[in-house]
Amino acid sequence: MLEKAGLIAGAIWNALSETNEMNAKDLKKATKAKSEKELFLGIGWLLREDKLVVSGDEKEPVFALKK
């Protein structure tokens, strides 16, 4: 599980490094995550490492890399 979280976190990092920001739906598509649970596992990893900025609202969060 830990390895999967790291792989998804890396895919999220790569996707966001190519764009300014993305919502969860677009990130899921870009990372080819199998489920929202898997996607949010990777997002949590990056949030814990203080690598992401979250904007938007609860229904439609938008994620970007910290600069």
Protein backbone atom coordinates (compact mmCIF):
# COMPACT_ATOMS: atom_id res chain seq x y z
CA MET A 1 0.00 0.00 0.00
CA LEU A 2 2.84 2.37 0.85
CA GLU A 3 4.48 1.74 -2.52
CA LYS A 4 1.20 2.41 -4.35
CA ALA A 5 0.74 5.70 -2.46
CA GLY A 6 4.24 6.78 -3.46
CA LEU A 7 3.68 5.88 -7.11
CA ILE A 8 0.40 7.79 -7.26
CA ALA A 9 2.00 10.76 -5.46
CA GLY A 10 4.73 10.77 -8.11
CA ALA A 11 2.19 10.63 -10.92
CA ILE A 12 0.28 13.54 -9.34
CA TRP A 13 3.51 15.52 -9.01
CA ASN A 14 4.35 14.91 -12.68
CA ALA A 15 0.84 15.86 -13.85
CA LEU A 16 0.82 19.07 -11.82
CA SER A 17 4.35 20.01 -12.90
CA GLU A 18 3.07 20.17 -16.49
CA THR A 19 0.08 22.37 -15.64
CA ASN A 20 -0.60 25.10 -13.11
CA GLU A 21 -3.48 23.40 -11.34
CA MET A 22 -6.00 20.58 -11.74
CA ASN A 23 -9.19 19.42 -10.09
CA ALA A 24 -9.57 15.88 -8.74
CA LYS A 25 -11.41 14.61 -11.81
CA ASP A 26 -8.68 15.79 -14.18
CA LEU A 27 -5.94 14.51 -11.87
CA LYS A 28 -7.56 11.08 -11.73
CA LYS A 29 -7.60 10.96 -15.52
CA ALA A 30 -4.03 12.28 -15.87
CA THR A 31 -2.59 9.85 -13.33
CA LYS A 32 -4.70 6.90 -14.49
CA ALA A 33 -5.64 6.23 -10.87
CA LYS A 34 -8.02 3.29 -10.58
CA SER A 35 -10.25 4.96 -7.99
CA GLU A 36 -10.79 8.23 -6.14
CA LYS A 37 -9.55 6.48 -3.00
CA GLU A 38 -6.25 5.74 -4.71
CA LEU A 39 -5.99 9.32 -5.99
CA PHE A 40 -6.65 10.82 -2.58
CA LEU A 41 -4.07 8.49 -1.04
CA GLY A 42 -1.45 10.14 -3.26
CA ILE A 43 -2.84 13.62 -2.60
CA GLY A 44 -2.64 12.95 1.13
CA TRP A 45 0.98 11.88 0.74
CA LEU A 46 1.86 15.17 -0.99
CA LEU A 47 -0.17 17.23 1.50
CA ARG A 48 1.65 15.55 4.38
CA GLU A 49 4.97 16.50 2.77
CA ASP A 50 3.65 20.08 2.35
CA LYS A 51 4.04 19.92 -1.45
CA LEU A 52 0.49 20.91 -2.49
CA VAL A 53 -1.75 23.94 -2.31
CA VAL A 54 -5.49 23.31 -2.25
CA SER A 55 -7.94 25.97 -3.40
CA GLY A 56 -11.53 25.93 -4.60
CA ASP A 57 -14.21 24.52 -2.32
CA GLU A 58 -15.13 21.20 -0.73
CA LYS A 59 -17.17 20.07 -3.72
CA GLU A 60 -14.54 21.02 -6.29
CA PRO A 61 -11.03 21.24 -4.79
CA VAL A 62 -8.24 22.41 -7.06
CA PHE A 63 -4.68 21.24 -6.49
CA ALA A 64 -1.38 22.88 -7.42
CA LEU A 65 2.26 22.36 -6.48
CA LYS A 66 3.72 24.73 -3.91
CA LYS A 67 6.28 27.08 -5.39
